[in-house]
């Protein structure tokens, strides 16, 4: 009877391991686009002379900044159309990491190292994929030149988990794959 009980506990613990899900936020996207649109309209009105400044300006600088804001708005909207808002952006579980931009699941056994910046304002955890990983995964990751073979995880944006909890969960999954 003592042999049955630990097996039950172990199977129960593996069934309750947390799965971190990062979902796209339409509210955040709309908020960012609206704020940029307000700046665009304000700068455009200054540039065409509809709003007078306390000091006279030619409006050229404001016009250039308005054009810059318009380009940024278009870029954000085009990138947002590439995201499927019905699916999670990234899922981190005991089996590995998967996401919309990843062709398939990256198992924890294919992760070479986990880098957790210790600075206060660090927003991302960096997971480096081994050189001998699946070529399809490496090809997708190589498209981003500065961080080849690296998957970045935003640890502050996962709802229901604090930053330290996300770091602990990622470390636990990585360490258990290294032992097993």
N, C-alpha and C. Protein backbone atom coordinates (compact mmCIF):
# COMPACT_ATOMS: atom_id res chain seq x y z
N UNK A 1 0.81 -1.18 0.00
CA UNK A 1 0.00 0.00 0.00
C UNK A 1 0.86 1.26 0.00
N UNK A 2 2.00 1.22 0.65
CA UNK A 2 2.88 2.40 0.64
C UNK A 2 3.45 2.64 -0.76
N UNK A 3 3.58 1.61 -1.58
CA UNK A 3 4.09 1.80 -2.93
C UNK A 3 3.06 2.47 -3.83
N UNK A 4 1.77 2.25 -3.59
CA UNK A 4 0.74 2.85 -4.44
C UNK A 4 0.58 4.35 -4.19
N UNK A 5 0.73 4.75 -2.97
CA UNK A 5 0.45 6.14 -2.63
C UNK A 5 1.42 7.14 -3.29
N UNK A 6 2.73 6.95 -3.24
CA UNK A 6 3.62 7.91 -3.90
C UNK A 6 3.37 7.99 -5.40
N UNK A 7 3.01 6.89 -6.04
CA UNK A 7 2.72 6.92 -7.46
C UNK A 7 1.51 7.80 -7.73
N UNK A 8 0.50 7.70 -6.89
CA UNK A 8 -0.69 8.53 -7.05
C UNK A 8 -0.34 10.00 -6.85
N UNK A 9 0.47 10.30 -5.88
CA UNK A 9 0.86 11.69 -5.62
C UNK A 9 1.66 12.24 -6.80
N UNK A 10 2.62 11.45 -7.32
CA UNK A 10 3.44 11.92 -8.44
C UNK A 10 2.60 12.15 -9.68
N UNK A 11 1.67 11.27 -9.97
CA UNK A 11 0.84 11.47 -11.16
C UNK A 11 -0.08 12.67 -10.97
N UNK A 12 -0.53 12.90 -9.72
CA UNK A 12 -1.38 14.05 -9.45
C UNK A 12 -0.58 15.35 -9.58
N UNK A 13 0.68 15.35 -9.10
CA UNK A 13 1.50 16.56 -9.19
C UNK A 13 1.81 16.90 -10.64
N UNK A 14 2.07 15.92 -11.48
CA UNK A 14 2.36 16.21 -12.88
C UNK A 14 1.12 16.71 -13.60
N UNK A 15 -0.04 16.30 -13.14
CA UNK A 15 -1.28 16.76 -13.77
C UNK A 15 -1.60 18.21 -13.41
N UNK A 16 -1.06 18.70 -12.30
CA UNK A 16 -1.38 20.06 -11.87
C UNK A 16 -0.23 21.03 -12.12
N UNK A 17 0.74 20.68 -12.93
CA UNK A 17 1.81 21.62 -13.24
C UNK A 17 1.23 22.80 -14.01
N UNK A 18 1.64 24.01 -13.67
CA UNK A 18 1.05 25.18 -14.32
C UNK A 18 1.47 25.29 -15.78
N UNK A 19 0.55 25.78 -16.57
CA UNK A 19 0.80 26.08 -17.97
C UNK A 19 0.62 27.58 -18.11
N UNK A 20 1.67 28.26 -18.59
CA UNK A 20 1.62 29.70 -18.76
C UNK A 20 1.12 30.03 -20.16
N UNK A 21 0.11 30.86 -20.25
CA UNK A 21 -0.48 31.20 -21.54
C UNK A 21 -0.42 32.71 -21.71
N UNK A 22 0.22 33.15 -22.78
CA UNK A 22 0.30 34.58 -23.10
C UNK A 22 -0.65 34.84 -24.27
N UNK A 23 -1.70 35.59 -24.01
CA UNK A 23 -2.72 35.89 -25.02
C UNK A 23 -2.56 37.32 -25.54
N UNK A 24 -2.89 37.53 -26.81
CA UNK A 24 -2.84 38.89 -27.33
C UNK A 24 -3.95 39.74 -26.71
N UNK A 25 -3.68 41.01 -26.51
CA UNK A 25 -4.65 41.90 -25.88
C UNK A 25 -5.14 42.92 -26.89
N UNK A 26 -6.40 42.81 -27.27
CA UNK A 26 -6.96 43.80 -28.20
C UNK A 26 -7.11 45.14 -27.50
N UNK A 27 -7.37 45.12 -26.21
CA UNK A 27 -7.51 46.37 -25.45
C UNK A 27 -6.21 47.16 -25.48
N UNK A 28 -5.08 46.50 -25.27
CA UNK A 28 -3.79 47.18 -25.29
C UNK A 28 -3.48 47.70 -26.69
N UNK A 29 -3.77 46.90 -27.70
CA UNK A 29 -3.52 47.31 -29.08
C UNK A 29 -4.33 48.55 -29.43
N UNK A 30 -5.62 48.54 -29.12
CA UNK A 30 -6.48 49.68 -29.42
C UNK A 30 -6.02 50.91 -28.63
N UNK A 31 -5.62 50.72 -27.38
CA UNK A 31 -5.13 51.83 -26.57
C UNK A 31 -3.89 52.48 -27.17
N UNK A 32 -2.93 51.68 -27.59
CA UNK A 32 -1.69 52.20 -28.18
C UNK A 32 -1.99 52.93 -29.48
N UNK A 33 -2.80 52.33 -30.33
CA UNK A 33 -3.12 52.97 -31.61
C UNK A 33 -3.88 54.28 -31.39
N UNK A 34 -4.81 54.31 -30.45
CA UNK A 34 -5.57 55.54 -30.18
C UNK A 34 -4.68 56.65 -29.65
N UNK A 35 -3.78 56.35 -28.74
CA UNK A 35 -2.88 57.38 -28.21
C UNK A 35 -2.00 57.92 -29.33
N UNK A 36 -1.47 57.04 -30.17
CA UNK A 36 -0.65 57.52 -31.29
C UNK A 36 -1.47 58.33 -32.28
N UNK A 37 -2.73 57.95 -32.49
CA UNK A 37 -3.60 58.70 -33.40
C UNK A 37 -3.88 60.10 -32.85
N UNK A 38 -4.05 60.22 -31.55
CA UNK A 38 -4.27 61.54 -30.93
C UNK A 38 -3.04 62.42 -31.14
N UNK A 39 -1.85 61.87 -30.91
CA UNK A 39 -0.63 62.65 -31.16
C UNK A 39 -0.52 63.04 -32.63
N UNK A 40 -0.87 62.12 -33.52
CA UNK A 40 -0.82 62.42 -34.96
C UNK A 40 -1.74 63.58 -35.30
N UNK A 41 -2.97 63.56 -34.83
CA UNK A 41 -3.93 64.63 -35.12
C UNK A 41 -3.44 65.95 -34.52
N UNK A 42 -2.98 65.91 -33.28
CA UNK A 42 -2.51 67.13 -32.61
C UNK A 42 -1.34 67.75 -33.38
N UNK A 43 -0.35 66.94 -33.73
CA UNK A 43 0.81 67.45 -34.46
C UNK A 43 0.44 67.92 -35.86
N UNK A 44 -0.51 67.24 -36.49
CA UNK A 44 -0.96 67.66 -37.82
C UNK A 44 -1.65 69.01 -37.75
N UNK A 45 -2.48 69.23 -36.75
CA UNK A 45 -3.15 70.52 -36.60
C UNK A 45 -2.16 71.64 -36.32
N UNK A 46 -1.13 71.37 -35.56
CA UNK A 46 -0.09 72.38 -35.34
C UNK A 46 0.63 72.67 -36.65
N UNK A 47 0.94 71.60 -37.42
CA UNK A 47 1.70 71.76 -38.66
C UNK A 47 0.94 72.59 -39.69
N UNK A 48 -0.37 72.43 -39.77
CA UNK A 48 -1.15 73.19 -40.77
C UNK A 48 -1.61 74.54 -40.24
N UNK A 49 -1.30 74.84 -38.99
CA UNK A 49 -1.61 76.15 -38.44
C UNK A 49 -2.96 76.29 -37.78
N UNK A 50 -3.68 75.22 -37.55
CA UNK A 50 -4.98 75.28 -36.90
C UNK A 50 -4.87 75.47 -35.39
N UNK A 51 -3.75 75.04 -34.83
CA UNK A 51 -3.47 75.25 -33.41
C UNK A 51 -2.23 76.13 -33.34
N UNK A 52 -2.32 77.23 -32.62
CA UNK A 52 -1.17 78.13 -32.51
C UNK A 52 -0.39 77.80 -31.25
N UNK A 53 0.89 77.83 -31.39
CA UNK A 53 1.77 77.60 -30.27
C UNK A 53 2.10 78.92 -29.59
N UNK A 54 2.63 78.88 -28.35
CA UNK A 54 2.99 80.11 -27.64
C UNK A 54 4.12 80.84 -28.35
N UNK A 55 4.98 80.08 -29.00
CA UNK A 55 6.03 80.68 -29.83
C UNK A 55 5.72 80.32 -31.28
N UNK A 56 5.92 81.21 -32.20
CA UNK A 56 5.65 80.89 -33.59
C UNK A 56 6.58 79.79 -34.10
N UNK A 57 6.02 78.83 -34.81
CA UNK A 57 6.81 77.74 -35.40
C UNK A 57 6.46 77.66 -36.88
N UNK A 58 7.37 77.06 -37.63
CA UNK A 58 7.10 76.89 -39.06
C UNK A 58 6.18 75.71 -39.30
N UNK A 59 6.10 74.79 -38.34
CA UNK A 59 5.24 73.61 -38.49
C UNK A 59 5.92 72.45 -39.18
N UNK A 60 7.15 72.66 -39.66
CA UNK A 60 7.85 71.60 -40.37
C UNK A 60 8.20 70.45 -39.42
N UNK A 61 8.74 70.78 -38.26
CA UNK A 61 9.10 69.73 -37.29
C UNK A 61 7.87 68.96 -36.83
N UNK A 62 6.79 69.68 -36.55
CA UNK A 62 5.56 69.02 -36.12
C UNK A 62 5.01 68.14 -37.24
N UNK A 63 5.11 68.63 -38.47
CA UNK A 63 4.64 67.85 -39.62
C UNK A 63 5.43 66.57 -39.79
N UNK A 64 6.76 66.67 -39.60
CA UNK A 64 7.59 65.47 -39.72
C UNK A 64 7.27 64.46 -38.62
N UNK A 65 7.06 64.96 -37.38
CA UNK A 65 6.68 64.05 -36.31
C UNK A 65 5.30 63.45 -36.55
N UNK A 66 4.40 64.22 -37.14
CA UNK A 66 3.08 63.68 -37.46
C UNK A 66 3.19 62.56 -38.49
N UNK A 67 4.04 62.76 -39.48
CA UNK A 67 4.26 61.71 -40.49
C UNK A 67 4.89 60.48 -39.83
N UNK A 68 5.84 60.70 -38.92
CA UNK A 68 6.46 59.59 -38.20
C UNK A 68 5.41 58.80 -37.40
N UNK A 69 4.51 59.51 -36.70
CA UNK A 69 3.46 58.82 -35.95
C UNK A 69 2.54 58.05 -36.89
N UNK A 70 2.24 58.60 -38.06
CA UNK A 70 1.39 57.90 -39.02
C UNK A 70 2.07 56.62 -39.50
N UNK A 71 3.36 56.68 -39.76
CA UNK A 71 4.09 55.49 -40.20
C UNK A 71 4.09 54.43 -39.09
N UNK A 72 4.28 54.85 -37.85
CA UNK A 72 4.27 53.90 -36.72
C UNK A 72 2.89 53.28 -36.56
N UNK A 73 1.84 54.08 -36.70
CA UNK A 73 0.47 53.55 -36.60
C UNK A 73 0.23 52.50 -37.67
N UNK A 74 0.62 52.79 -38.90
CA UNK A 74 0.43 51.83 -40.00
C UNK A 74 1.23 50.55 -39.72
N UNK A 75 2.47 50.69 -39.24
CA UNK A 75 3.29 49.52 -38.94
C UNK A 75 2.64 48.65 -37.86
N UNK A 76 2.16 49.28 -36.79
CA UNK A 76 1.52 48.53 -35.70
C UNK A 76 0.27 47.81 -36.19
N UNK A 77 -0.53 48.49 -37.00
CA UNK A 77 -1.76 47.87 -37.49
C UNK A 77 -1.44 46.70 -38.43
N UNK A 78 -0.45 46.87 -39.30
CA UNK A 78 -0.08 45.77 -40.22
C UNK A 78 0.44 44.57 -39.42
N UNK A 79 1.29 44.81 -38.42
CA UNK A 79 1.79 43.71 -37.59
C UNK A 79 0.66 43.05 -36.80
N UNK A 80 -0.29 43.85 -36.33
CA UNK A 80 -1.40 43.30 -35.55
C UNK A 80 -2.29 42.41 -36.41
N UNK A 81 -2.39 42.71 -37.69
CA UNK A 81 -3.21 41.87 -38.57
C UNK A 81 -2.59 40.49 -38.79
N UNK A 82 -1.30 40.35 -38.51
CA UNK A 82 -0.63 39.07 -38.66
C UNK A 82 -0.84 38.16 -37.46
N UNK A 83 -1.37 38.70 -36.36
CA UNK A 83 -1.59 37.94 -35.13
C UNK A 83 -3.01 37.40 -35.12
N UNK A 84 -3.16 36.14 -34.79
CA UNK A 84 -4.48 35.54 -34.64
C UNK A 84 -4.91 35.76 -33.19
N UNK A 85 -5.87 36.66 -32.98
CA UNK A 85 -6.28 37.04 -31.63
C UNK A 85 -7.13 35.97 -30.95
N UNK A 86 -7.49 34.91 -31.67
CA UNK A 86 -8.27 33.84 -31.04
C UNK A 86 -7.37 32.78 -30.41
N UNK A 87 -6.08 32.80 -30.74
CA UNK A 87 -5.13 31.82 -30.22
C UNK A 87 -4.10 32.50 -29.32
N UNK A 88 -3.54 31.76 -28.38
CA UNK A 88 -2.48 32.35 -27.55
C UNK A 88 -1.24 32.66 -28.38
N UNK A 89 -0.52 33.69 -27.98
CA UNK A 89 0.74 34.03 -28.65
C UNK A 89 1.80 33.00 -28.29
N UNK A 90 1.81 32.60 -27.00
CA UNK A 90 2.81 31.64 -26.53
C UNK A 90 2.22 30.80 -25.40
N UNK A 91 2.56 29.50 -25.40
CA UNK A 91 2.14 28.60 -24.33
C UNK A 91 3.40 27.91 -23.80
N UNK A 92 3.60 28.02 -22.49
CA UNK A 92 4.76 27.42 -21.84
C UNK A 92 4.23 26.36 -20.88
N UNK A 93 4.56 25.11 -21.14
CA UNK A 93 4.07 24.02 -20.30
C UNK A 93 5.17 23.04 -19.98
N UNK A 94 4.83 21.97 -19.28
CA UNK A 94 5.85 20.99 -18.89
C UNK A 94 6.48 20.26 -20.09
N UNK A 95 5.77 20.24 -21.23
CA UNK A 95 6.30 19.57 -22.41
C UNK A 95 7.24 20.45 -23.21
N UNK A 96 7.06 21.78 -23.13
CA UNK A 96 7.90 22.70 -23.89
C UNK A 96 7.20 24.01 -24.15
N UNK A 97 7.66 24.69 -25.19
CA UNK A 97 7.15 26.01 -25.54
C UNK A 97 6.62 25.96 -26.97
N UNK A 98 5.46 26.55 -27.16
CA UNK A 98 4.92 26.67 -28.50
C UNK A 98 4.35 28.07 -28.64
N UNK A 99 4.20 28.52 -29.85
CA UNK A 99 3.67 29.85 -30.09
C UNK A 99 3.21 30.02 -31.51
N UNK A 100 2.58 31.15 -31.77
CA UNK A 100 2.07 31.42 -33.11
C UNK A 100 3.18 31.52 -34.14
N UNK A 101 4.33 32.07 -33.76
CA UNK A 101 5.42 32.25 -34.72
C UNK A 101 6.40 31.08 -34.75
N UNK A 102 6.15 30.08 -33.92
CA UNK A 102 7.01 28.90 -33.91
C UNK A 102 6.33 27.80 -34.71
N UNK A 103 7.07 27.10 -35.57
CA UNK A 103 6.44 26.07 -36.41
C UNK A 103 5.93 24.87 -35.64
N UNK A 104 6.57 24.56 -34.51
CA UNK A 104 6.14 23.41 -33.69
C UNK A 104 6.64 23.58 -32.27
N UNK A 105 6.26 22.65 -31.42
CA UNK A 105 6.64 22.67 -30.02
C UNK A 105 8.16 22.55 -29.87
N UNK A 106 8.74 23.40 -29.02
CA UNK A 106 10.15 23.27 -28.67
C UNK A 106 10.20 22.57 -27.31
N UNK A 107 10.63 21.30 -27.28
CA UNK A 107 10.69 20.59 -25.99
C UNK A 107 11.79 21.17 -25.11
N UNK A 108 11.61 21.04 -23.80
CA UNK A 108 12.59 21.56 -22.85
C UNK A 108 13.95 20.91 -23.04
N UNK A 109 13.99 19.69 -23.56
CA UNK A 109 15.27 19.02 -23.78
C UNK A 109 16.09 19.70 -24.88
N UNK A 110 15.44 20.52 -25.72
CA UNK A 110 16.14 21.24 -26.79
C UNK A 110 16.62 22.62 -26.35
N UNK A 111 16.34 22.98 -25.09
CA UNK A 111 16.78 24.28 -24.57
C UNK A 111 18.17 24.11 -23.97
N UNK A 112 19.11 24.92 -24.43
CA UNK A 112 20.50 24.85 -23.97
C UNK A 112 20.69 25.57 -22.63
N UNK A 113 20.12 26.76 -22.52
CA UNK A 113 20.26 27.51 -21.28
C UNK A 113 19.12 28.51 -21.14
N UNK A 114 18.91 28.94 -19.90
CA UNK A 114 17.90 29.95 -19.57
C UNK A 114 18.63 31.14 -18.97
N UNK A 115 18.44 32.31 -19.57
CA UNK A 115 19.04 33.54 -19.05
C UNK A 115 17.95 34.40 -18.44
N UNK A 116 18.11 34.70 -17.16
CA UNK A 116 17.16 35.54 -16.45
C UNK A 116 17.90 36.79 -16.02
N UNK A 117 17.72 37.91 -16.73
CA UNK A 117 18.39 39.15 -16.32
C UNK A 117 17.95 39.54 -14.91
N UNK A 118 18.88 39.97 -14.10
CA UNK A 118 18.59 40.31 -12.71
C UNK A 118 18.30 41.79 -12.50
N UNK A 119 18.25 42.55 -13.59
CA UNK A 119 17.95 43.97 -13.44
C UNK A 119 16.47 44.15 -13.13
N UNK A 120 16.16 45.24 -12.51
CA UNK A 120 14.78 45.49 -12.06
C UNK A 120 13.82 45.68 -13.23
N UNK A 121 14.30 46.28 -14.31
CA UNK A 121 13.41 46.63 -15.42
C UNK A 121 13.44 45.61 -16.54
N UNK A 122 14.11 44.48 -16.36
CA UNK A 122 14.16 43.45 -17.41
C UNK A 122 12.76 42.90 -17.64
N UNK A 123 12.32 42.88 -18.88
CA UNK A 123 10.98 42.44 -19.24
C UNK A 123 10.94 41.02 -19.77
N UNK A 124 12.08 40.49 -20.18
CA UNK A 124 12.09 39.22 -20.90
C UNK A 124 13.02 38.20 -20.26
N UNK A 125 12.64 36.93 -20.39
CA UNK A 125 13.51 35.80 -20.08
C UNK A 125 14.00 35.27 -21.43
N UNK A 126 15.24 34.84 -21.51
CA UNK A 126 15.79 34.38 -22.77
C UNK A 126 16.13 32.90 -22.67
N UNK A 127 15.57 32.11 -23.58
CA UNK A 127 15.85 30.68 -23.65
C UNK A 127 16.63 30.43 -24.94
N UNK A 128 17.81 29.86 -24.82
CA UNK A 128 18.63 29.58 -25.98
C UNK A 128 18.43 28.12 -26.40
N UNK A 129 18.09 27.94 -27.66
CA UNK A 129 17.84 26.60 -28.22
C UNK A 129 19.19 26.00 -28.64
N UNK A 130 19.34 24.70 -28.41
CA UNK A 130 20.58 24.01 -28.76
C UNK A 130 20.82 24.06 -30.27
N UNK A 131 22.08 23.98 -30.66
CA UNK A 131 22.46 24.03 -32.07
C UNK A 131 21.96 22.81 -32.84
N UNK A 132 21.79 21.69 -32.16
CA UNK A 132 21.35 20.46 -32.83
C UNK A 132 19.83 20.27 -32.76
N UNK A 133 19.10 21.34 -32.52
CA UNK A 133 17.63 21.27 -32.46
C UNK A 133 17.05 21.06 -33.86
N UNK A 134 15.77 20.89 -33.91
CA UNK A 134 15.06 20.68 -35.17
C UNK A 134 15.38 21.82 -36.15
N UNK A 135 15.82 21.49 -37.38
CA UNK A 135 16.18 22.54 -38.34
C UNK A 135 15.03 23.51 -38.66
N UNK A 136 13.82 23.03 -38.63
CA UNK A 136 12.67 23.91 -38.90
C UNK A 136 12.53 24.98 -37.82
N UNK A 137 12.75 24.60 -36.59
CA UNK A 137 12.70 25.56 -35.48
C UNK A 137 13.86 26.55 -35.58
N UNK A 138 15.06 26.04 -35.84
CA UNK A 138 16.23 26.91 -35.94
C UNK A 138 16.09 27.90 -37.10
N UNK A 139 15.52 27.44 -38.20
CA UNK A 139 15.31 28.33 -39.35
C UNK A 139 14.39 29.50 -38.98
N UNK A 140 13.32 29.20 -38.26
CA UNK A 140 12.38 30.24 -37.85
C UNK A 140 13.05 31.22 -36.88
N UNK A 141 13.85 30.71 -35.96
CA UNK A 141 14.52 31.57 -34.99
C UNK A 141 15.65 32.39 -35.61
N UNK A 142 16.27 31.90 -36.67
CA UNK A 142 17.36 32.64 -37.32
C UNK A 142 16.87 33.85 -38.09
N UNK A 143 15.59 33.94 -38.34
CA UNK A 143 15.04 35.10 -39.05
C UNK A 143 15.24 36.38 -38.26
N UNK A 144 15.35 36.25 -36.95
CA UNK A 144 15.60 37.42 -36.09
C UNK A 144 17.09 37.46 -35.80
N UNK A 145 17.84 38.20 -36.59
CA UNK A 145 19.30 38.19 -36.57
C UNK A 145 19.95 38.42 -35.21
N UNK A 146 19.60 39.44 -34.44
CA UNK A 146 20.39 39.68 -33.23
C UNK A 146 20.27 38.56 -32.19
N UNK A 147 19.15 37.86 -32.17
CA UNK A 147 18.93 36.85 -31.14
C UNK A 147 18.75 35.47 -31.77
N UNK A 148 19.71 35.05 -32.56
CA UNK A 148 19.60 33.73 -33.18
C UNK A 148 19.52 32.65 -32.11
N UNK A 149 18.68 31.66 -32.35
CA UNK A 149 18.48 30.52 -31.46
C UNK A 149 17.92 30.92 -30.11
N UNK A 150 17.29 32.07 -30.00
CA UNK A 150 16.79 32.54 -28.71
C UNK A 150 15.29 32.77 -28.78
N UNK A 151 14.60 32.30 -27.74
CA UNK A 151 13.18 32.56 -27.57
C UNK A 151 13.05 33.49 -26.37
N UNK A 152 12.38 34.62 -26.56
CA UNK A 152 12.19 35.59 -25.49
C UNK A 152 10.79 35.43 -24.90
N UNK A 153 10.72 35.39 -23.57
CA UNK A 153 9.44 35.23 -22.87
C UNK A 153 9.19 36.46 -22.01
N UNK A 154 8.10 37.18 -22.27
CA UNK A 154 7.79 38.34 -21.42
C UNK A 154 7.19 37.89 -20.09
N UNK A 155 7.98 37.92 -19.04
CA UNK A 155 7.55 37.35 -17.76
C UNK A 155 6.60 38.25 -16.98
N UNK A 156 6.44 39.48 -17.35
CA UNK A 156 5.56 40.39 -16.61
C UNK A 156 4.14 40.43 -17.18
N UNK A 157 3.93 39.88 -18.33
CA UNK A 157 2.64 40.04 -19.01
C UNK A 157 1.75 38.81 -18.96
N UNK A 158 2.10 37.83 -18.18
CA UNK A 158 1.30 36.60 -18.13
C UNK A 158 0.26 36.75 -17.03
N UNK A 159 -1.01 36.80 -17.39
CA UNK A 159 -2.05 37.04 -16.38
C UNK A 159 -2.15 35.89 -15.38
N UNK A 160 -2.36 36.25 -14.13
CA UNK A 160 -2.53 35.26 -13.08
C UNK A 160 -1.24 34.82 -12.42
N UNK A 161 -0.10 35.28 -12.92
CA UNK A 161 1.20 34.90 -12.37
C UNK A 161 2.04 36.15 -12.17
N UNK A 162 2.75 36.18 -11.04
CA UNK A 162 3.69 37.28 -10.83
C UNK A 162 4.96 37.00 -11.62
N UNK A 163 5.77 38.01 -11.74
CA UNK A 163 7.03 37.87 -12.47
C UNK A 163 7.91 36.79 -11.86
N UNK A 164 8.01 36.77 -10.55
CA UNK A 164 8.87 35.77 -9.89
C UNK A 164 8.30 34.36 -10.06
N UNK A 165 6.98 34.22 -10.07
CA UNK A 165 6.37 32.90 -10.29
C UNK A 165 6.69 32.39 -11.69
N UNK A 166 6.62 33.26 -12.69
CA UNK A 166 6.94 32.86 -14.05
C UNK A 166 8.40 32.41 -14.15
N UNK A 167 9.29 33.18 -13.53
CA UNK A 167 10.72 32.81 -13.54
C UNK A 167 10.93 31.46 -12.87
N UNK A 168 10.27 31.23 -11.74
CA UNK A 168 10.41 29.95 -11.02
C UNK A 168 9.87 28.79 -11.85
N UNK A 169 8.74 28.98 -12.50
CA UNK A 169 8.14 27.91 -13.30
C UNK A 169 9.04 27.56 -14.48
N UNK A 170 9.54 28.57 -15.19
CA UNK A 170 10.43 28.32 -16.33
C UNK A 170 11.70 27.61 -15.87
N UNK A 171 12.28 28.07 -14.76
CA UNK A 171 13.48 27.41 -14.23
C UNK A 171 13.20 25.98 -13.83
N UNK A 172 12.05 25.72 -13.20
CA UNK A 172 11.70 24.37 -12.77
C UNK A 172 11.55 23.43 -13.98
N UNK A 173 10.87 23.89 -15.03
CA UNK A 173 10.72 23.06 -16.23
C UNK A 173 12.07 22.77 -16.86
N UNK A 174 12.91 23.81 -16.95
CA UNK A 174 14.23 23.64 -17.56
C UNK A 174 15.10 22.68 -16.75
N UNK A 175 15.15 22.86 -15.44
CA UNK A 175 15.97 22.00 -14.59
C UNK A 175 15.48 20.56 -14.57
N UNK A 176 14.16 20.36 -14.62
CA UNK A 176 13.66 18.98 -14.64
C UNK A 176 14.00 18.31 -15.97
N UNK A 177 14.08 19.05 -17.05
CA UNK A 177 14.47 18.44 -18.33
C UNK A 177 15.95 18.10 -18.35
N UNK A 178 16.76 18.88 -17.64
CA UNK A 178 18.20 18.61 -17.58
C UNK A 178 18.51 17.38 -16.73
N UNK A 179 17.69 17.17 -15.68
CA UNK A 179 17.89 15.98 -14.84
C UNK A 179 17.37 14.72 -15.51
N UNK A 180 16.25 14.86 -16.22
CA UNK A 180 15.60 13.69 -16.79
C UNK A 180 16.13 13.34 -18.10
